[in-house]
Protein backbone atom coordinates (compact mmCIF):
# COMPACT_ATOMS: atom_id res chain seq x y z
CA UNK A 1 98.92 85.32 81.06
CA UNK A 2 95.58 83.76 78.52
CA UNK A 3 95.51 84.77 74.89
CA UNK A 4 92.04 84.67 72.66
CA UNK A 5 93.72 84.34 69.27
CA UNK A 6 90.84 84.49 66.72
CA UNK A 7 92.25 83.44 63.28
CA UNK A 8 92.99 81.10 60.79
CA UNK A 9 94.22 77.68 61.11
CA UNK A 10 95.66 74.77 58.36
CA UNK A 11 96.37 71.44 58.91
CA UNK A 12 99.21 71.49 56.40
CA UNK A 13 102.32 74.00 57.22
CA UNK A 14 101.98 77.39 59.70
CA UNK A 15 99.84 80.78 59.22
CA UNK A 16 97.56 82.58 61.23
CA UNK A 17 96.23 80.10 64.64
CA UNK A 18 99.27 77.61 62.97
CA UNK A 19 101.94 79.58 63.22
CA UNK A 20 100.76 81.83 66.38
CA UNK A 21 99.88 79.26 68.82
CA UNK A 22 102.86 76.66 69.55
CA UNK A 23 105.45 79.84 70.03
CA UNK A 24 103.19 81.91 72.68
CA UNK A 25 102.59 78.49 74.42
CA UNK A 26 106.40 77.79 74.45
CA UNK A 27 106.75 81.14 76.32
CA UNK A 28 104.60 80.22 78.91
CA UNK A 29 100.70 82.05 77.60
CA UNK A 30 97.45 80.02 77.37
CA UNK A 31 96.32 80.14 74.11
CA UNK A 32 92.60 79.71 73.10
CA UNK A 33 92.25 79.18 69.63
CA UNK A 34 89.39 80.07 67.57
CA UNK A 35 89.69 79.25 64.15
CA UNK A 36 88.09 81.19 61.11
CA UNK A 37 89.43 78.96 58.40
CA UNK A 38 89.94 75.27 58.32
CA UNK A 39 92.44 74.98 55.42
CA UNK A 40 94.64 72.23 54.17
CA UNK A 41 97.18 74.97 53.52
CA UNK A 42 97.64 78.19 53.43
CA UNK A 43 96.59 80.02 50.65
CA UNK A 44 100.24 80.72 48.90
CA UNK A 45 100.02 77.64 47.29
CA UNK A 46 97.18 78.63 44.93
CA UNK A 47 94.93 75.50 45.79
CA UNK A 48 93.45 74.26 49.31
CA UNK A 49 90.61 72.64 50.83
CA UNK A 50 88.69 72.65 53.66
CA UNK A 51 86.01 75.23 54.91
CA UNK A 52 85.81 79.12 55.93
CA UNK A 53 84.06 78.76 59.13
CA UNK A 54 80.66 80.40 59.43
CA UNK A 55 80.80 83.48 60.92
CA UNK A 56 78.33 82.36 63.53
CA UNK A 57 79.51 79.49 64.25
CA UNK A 58 82.95 81.49 65.53
CA UNK A 59 80.32 83.08 67.58
CA UNK A 60 78.97 80.32 69.17
CA UNK A 61 82.25 79.00 70.49
CA UNK A 62 83.72 82.42 71.73
CA UNK A 63 79.76 82.19 73.43
CA UNK A 64 80.86 78.92 74.41
CA UNK A 65 83.91 80.26 76.32
CA UNK A 66 82.19 83.26 77.96
CA UNK A 67 79.66 80.42 79.41
CA UNK A 68 82.30 79.06 81.47
CA UNK A 69 83.70 82.48 82.82
CA UNK A 70 87.11 82.44 81.39
CA UNK A 71 86.71 85.82 79.31
CA UNK A 72 87.42 87.87 82.93
CA UNK A 73 90.98 85.94 83.12
CA UNK A 74 91.99 86.91 79.46
CA UNK A 75 94.85 89.28 78.64
CA UNK A 76 94.68 89.93 75.31
CA UNK A 77 92.59 89.45 72.17
CA UNK A 78 94.75 88.74 69.06
CA UNK A 79 93.28 88.33 65.36
CA UNK A 80 94.65 88.39 62.24
CA UNK A 81 93.74 87.36 58.41
CA UNK A 82 90.12 87.59 57.67
CA UNK A 83 88.73 85.49 55.16
CA UNK A 84 85.12 87.34 55.01
CA UNK A 85 83.88 90.17 55.69
CA UNK A 86 81.33 88.61 58.79
CA UNK A 87 84.22 88.11 60.85
CA UNK A 88 84.79 91.38 61.55
CA UNK A 89 81.68 91.94 63.45
CA UNK A 90 82.90 88.82 65.32
CA UNK A 91 85.95 90.39 66.38
CA UNK A 92 84.63 93.33 67.75
CA UNK A 93 81.99 91.82 69.42
CA UNK A 94 84.75 89.38 71.17
CA UNK A 95 86.34 92.04 72.11
CA UNK A 96 84.04 94.56 73.64
CA UNK A 97 83.08 90.83 75.83
CA UNK A 98 86.50 90.49 76.72
CA UNK A 99 86.70 94.09 77.86
CA UNK A 100 83.54 93.81 80.19
CA UNK A 101 85.23 90.89 81.60
CA UNK A 102 88.41 92.26 82.04
CA UNK A 103 88.88 96.23 81.56
CA UNK A 104 92.64 95.80 81.56
CA UNK A 105 92.63 93.62 78.16
CA UNK A 106 94.13 94.56 74.72
CA UNK A 107 93.15 93.65 71.25
CA UNK A 108 95.80 93.14 68.86
CA UNK A 109 95.04 93.33 65.34
CA UNK A 110 97.22 92.25 62.70
CA UNK A 111 95.44 93.78 59.90
CA UNK A 112 96.34 91.38 56.94
CA UNK A 113 95.98 92.82 53.50
CA UNK A 114 99.46 92.37 51.58
CA UNK A 115 102.57 93.47 51.08
CA UNK A 116 104.32 95.48 48.85
CA UNK A 117 105.35 93.29 46.36
CA UNK A 118 102.17 91.35 46.33
CA UNK A 119 99.68 94.16 46.74
CA UNK A 120 96.33 93.10 48.69
CA UNK A 121 95.78 89.45 48.36
CA UNK A 122 92.70 89.82 50.64
CA UNK A 123 89.03 89.95 49.42
CA UNK A 124 88.28 93.85 48.06
CA UNK A 125 86.05 95.08 51.31
CA UNK A 126 88.90 93.59 54.34
CA UNK A 127 90.62 96.77 53.49
CA UNK A 128 88.41 98.93 53.98
CA UNK A 129 86.58 96.84 56.92
CA UNK A 130 89.66 96.60 58.30
CA UNK A 131 90.77 100.35 58.38
CA UNK A 132 87.57 101.76 58.96
CA UNK A 133 85.88 99.19 61.62
CA UNK A 134 88.35 96.84 63.02
CA UNK A 135 91.46 99.09 63.27
CA UNK A 136 89.88 101.97 65.71
CA UNK A 137 88.78 99.34 68.39
CA UNK A 138 92.16 98.03 68.76
CA UNK A 139 95.20 98.77 71.43
CA UNK A 140 97.93 97.39 69.03
CA UNK A 141 98.32 97.27 65.87
CA UNK A 142 101.39 95.35 63.45
CA UNK A 143 100.97 95.83 60.16
CA UNK A 144 103.93 96.00 57.68
CA UNK A 145 104.71 99.03 56.13
CA UNK A 146 102.87 98.72 53.10
CA UNK A 147 99.39 98.15 54.86
CA UNK A 148 100.65 100.95 57.56
CA UNK A 149 100.50 103.40 54.32
CA UNK A 150 96.76 101.98 53.28
CA UNK A 151 95.24 102.16 56.86
CA UNK A 152 96.32 106.08 57.05
CA UNK A 153 96.40 106.91 53.42
CA UNK A 154 100.03 107.87 53.47
CA UNK A 155 103.26 106.94 51.83
CA UNK A 156 105.52 105.86 54.71
CA UNK A 157 108.75 105.72 52.58
CA UNK A 158 111.93 107.96 54.79
CA UNK A 159 111.80 107.09 58.54
CA UNK A 160 110.17 110.75 59.24
CA UNK A 161 107.34 109.65 57.24
CA UNK A 162 107.00 106.00 58.62
CA UNK A 163 106.58 107.89 61.90
CA UNK A 164 104.31 110.34 60.28
CA UNK A 165 101.92 107.59 58.95
CA UNK A 166 102.25 105.83 62.63
CA UNK A 167 101.24 108.52 64.17
CA UNK A 168 97.97 108.56 61.40
CA UNK A 169 97.93 105.32 62.66
CA UNK A 170 97.46 106.44 67.03
CA UNK A 171 95.15 109.04 66.19
CA UNK A 172 92.57 106.29 65.13
CA UNK A 173 92.37 104.07 68.18
CA UNK A 174 95.65 102.51 68.86
CA UNK A 175 97.85 103.26 71.34
CA UNK A 176 100.70 101.01 70.23
CA UNK A 177 101.80 100.23 66.55
CA UNK A 178 104.62 97.82 65.41
CA UNK A 179 105.53 98.36 62.11
CA UNK A 180 107.28 95.20 60.78
CA UNK A 181 109.02 94.94 57.02
CA UNK A 182 110.72 99.01 57.43
CA UNK A 183 112.82 99.20 54.29
CA UNK A 184 113.93 103.00 53.78
CA UNK A 185 115.73 103.90 51.37
CA UNK A 186 119.00 105.10 53.78
CA UNK A 187 118.94 102.22 55.96
CA UNK A 188 122.32 99.85 55.56
CA UNK A 189 122.78 97.67 52.67
CA UNK A 190 121.48 94.18 53.41
CA UNK A 191 118.82 95.10 56.22
CA UNK A 192 115.11 95.14 57.01
CA UNK A 193 114.27 96.86 59.72
CA UNK A 194 110.87 96.68 62.66
CA UNK A 195 109.23 100.00 64.11
CA UNK A 196 107.72 99.70 67.64
CA UNK A 197 106.08 103.29 69.21
CA UNK A 198 103.77 103.46 72.03
CA UNK A 199 103.28 106.65 74.26
CA UNK A 200 106.76 106.21 75.47
CA UNK A 201 108.71 106.76 72.49
CA UNK A 202 109.63 105.09 69.27
CA UNK A 203 112.35 101.97 68.88
CA UNK A 204 113.77 100.98 65.54
CA UNK A 205 115.85 97.87 65.51
CA UNK A 206 118.10 96.38 62.15
CA UNK A 207 118.55 92.54 61.00
CA UNK A 208 119.80 90.90 58.35
CA UNK A 209 117.51 90.97 55.04
CA UNK A 210 117.44 87.26 54.65
CA UNK A 211 116.29 86.01 50.90
CA UNK A 212 113.07 84.29 51.40
CA UNK A 213 109.53 84.76 51.71
CA UNK A 214 107.95 82.97 54.61
CA UNK A 215 104.45 82.59 54.58
CA UNK A 216 103.09 82.87 58.84
CA UNK A 217 106.32 85.11 59.93
CA UNK A 218 104.43 88.02 60.42
CA UNK A 219 101.84 86.03 62.62
CA UNK A 220 104.55 84.93 64.75
CA UNK A 221 105.56 88.59 64.76
CA UNK A 222 102.33 89.87 65.64
CA UNK A 223 101.83 86.98 68.11
CA UNK A 224 105.23 87.20 70.44
CA UNK A 225 105.01 91.37 70.51
CA UNK A 226 101.37 91.12 71.82
CA UNK A 227 102.49 88.78 74.82
CA UNK A 228 105.98 90.41 74.93
CA UNK A 229 104.03 93.85 75.33
CA UNK A 230 101.08 92.98 77.72
CA UNK A 231 103.52 91.07 79.80
CA UNK A 232 106.14 93.83 80.18
CA UNK A 233 104.60 96.62 78.97
CA UNK A 234 107.78 98.13 77.21
CA UNK A 235 107.90 98.05 73.44
CA UNK A 236 111.53 98.03 73.45
CA UNK A 237 111.68 94.97 75.35
CA UNK A 238 109.00 93.59 73.54
CA UNK A 239 110.51 94.68 70.03
CA UNK A 240 114.15 92.90 70.74
CA UNK A 241 112.40 89.79 72.20
CA UNK A 242 110.31 89.44 69.28
CA UNK A 243 113.43 90.67 66.94
CA UNK A 244 115.48 88.01 68.25
CA UNK A 245 113.12 85.38 68.00
CA UNK A 246 111.42 85.98 64.50
CA UNK A 247 115.23 86.00 62.83
CA UNK A 248 116.15 82.32 64.13
CA UNK A 249 113.20 81.17 63.34
CA UNK A 250 113.75 82.34 59.77
CA UNK A 251 117.27 81.68 59.49
CA UNK A 252 116.65 78.27 60.55
CA UNK A 253 114.22 77.70 58.06
CA UNK A 254 116.36 79.36 55.14
CA UNK A 255 119.16 76.59 56.19
CA UNK A 256 116.50 73.78 55.87
CA UNK A 257 115.45 74.68 52.53
CA UNK A 258 111.89 74.24 53.32
CA UNK A 259 109.03 75.71 52.17
CA UNK A 260 107.59 75.97 55.42
CA UNK A 261 108.71 78.03 58.59
CA UNK A 262 110.34 75.63 60.82
CA UNK A 263 108.14 76.62 63.81
CA UNK A 264 108.63 73.07 66.03
CA UNK A 265 112.93 73.22 65.82
CA UNK A 266 112.89 77.10 66.28
CA UNK A 267 111.44 76.34 69.80
CA UNK A 268 114.27 77.19 71.78
CA UNK A 269 114.29 80.83 70.19
CA UNK A 270 111.00 81.73 71.43
CA UNK A 271 111.81 80.19 75.32
CA UNK A 272 115.19 82.08 75.04
CA UNK A 273 115.77 84.52 72.75
CA UNK A 274 119.49 85.55 71.95
CA UNK A 275 118.72 89.29 72.00
CA UNK A 276 121.12 89.81 69.20
CA UNK A 277 120.10 92.75 68.08
CA UNK A 278 119.11 96.26 69.82
CA UNK A 279 116.78 98.99 69.49
CA UNK A 280 117.61 102.29 69.29
CA UNK A 281 115.06 105.07 70.23
CA UNK A 282 114.43 107.27 66.98
CA UNK A 283 112.08 109.58 69.05
């Protein structure tokens, strides 16, 4: 399997491609990373150095890949945090080029905008751009519950309302939706959930809610779910493998006391997920 991953990159820490590439490689995926920024560290530190890469330069890298005749081998395009407005056109164009070369390829969009605690943390134009132009061309989207609500202009809260919001998102274009950080009022105490929905049904899985903030964990989640789903075509299997791997990554990070993900140290969790959590069908 080959995945063209168009995301940010950082030298210190693990977000964007710096979070997604290694776990994908560890499960046997060939990754073509195309960077949209090259920062010293993620923006959660409040300050960083390094360039935001001009969209024209990002397009040039993709054109160079195309000239090698590789796009027909790409099984999925993956995108995440979009630092500026211009990168959306580059991603949409890249998806069109890949699908022209391989009609079976999928586009997975992680519509990074923010979260329930922090609100939106991207440039003001990005949320509308994602909702109106990028998400409609995606096959798979991986929003958190907050982002799902923004995309669909709904208020997902209960399981029923979250499923309704997912239906609204699927009506926009994507056939498969993974919702992360699902926090229902009636969930079991001390847990957090993840929901996967496709044409075959909907599956929900709960894990202990670890007391931490982990920049980049969503990027790992989107990458692993995309790979497992494209490879198996089974949302339940992809969900259980992804949740198992990401939970162990987060637990290892929490135990270490480090701010940054213990990405390399947790590699066995990607290669051999324990499958310690079972998803139940909810529709």
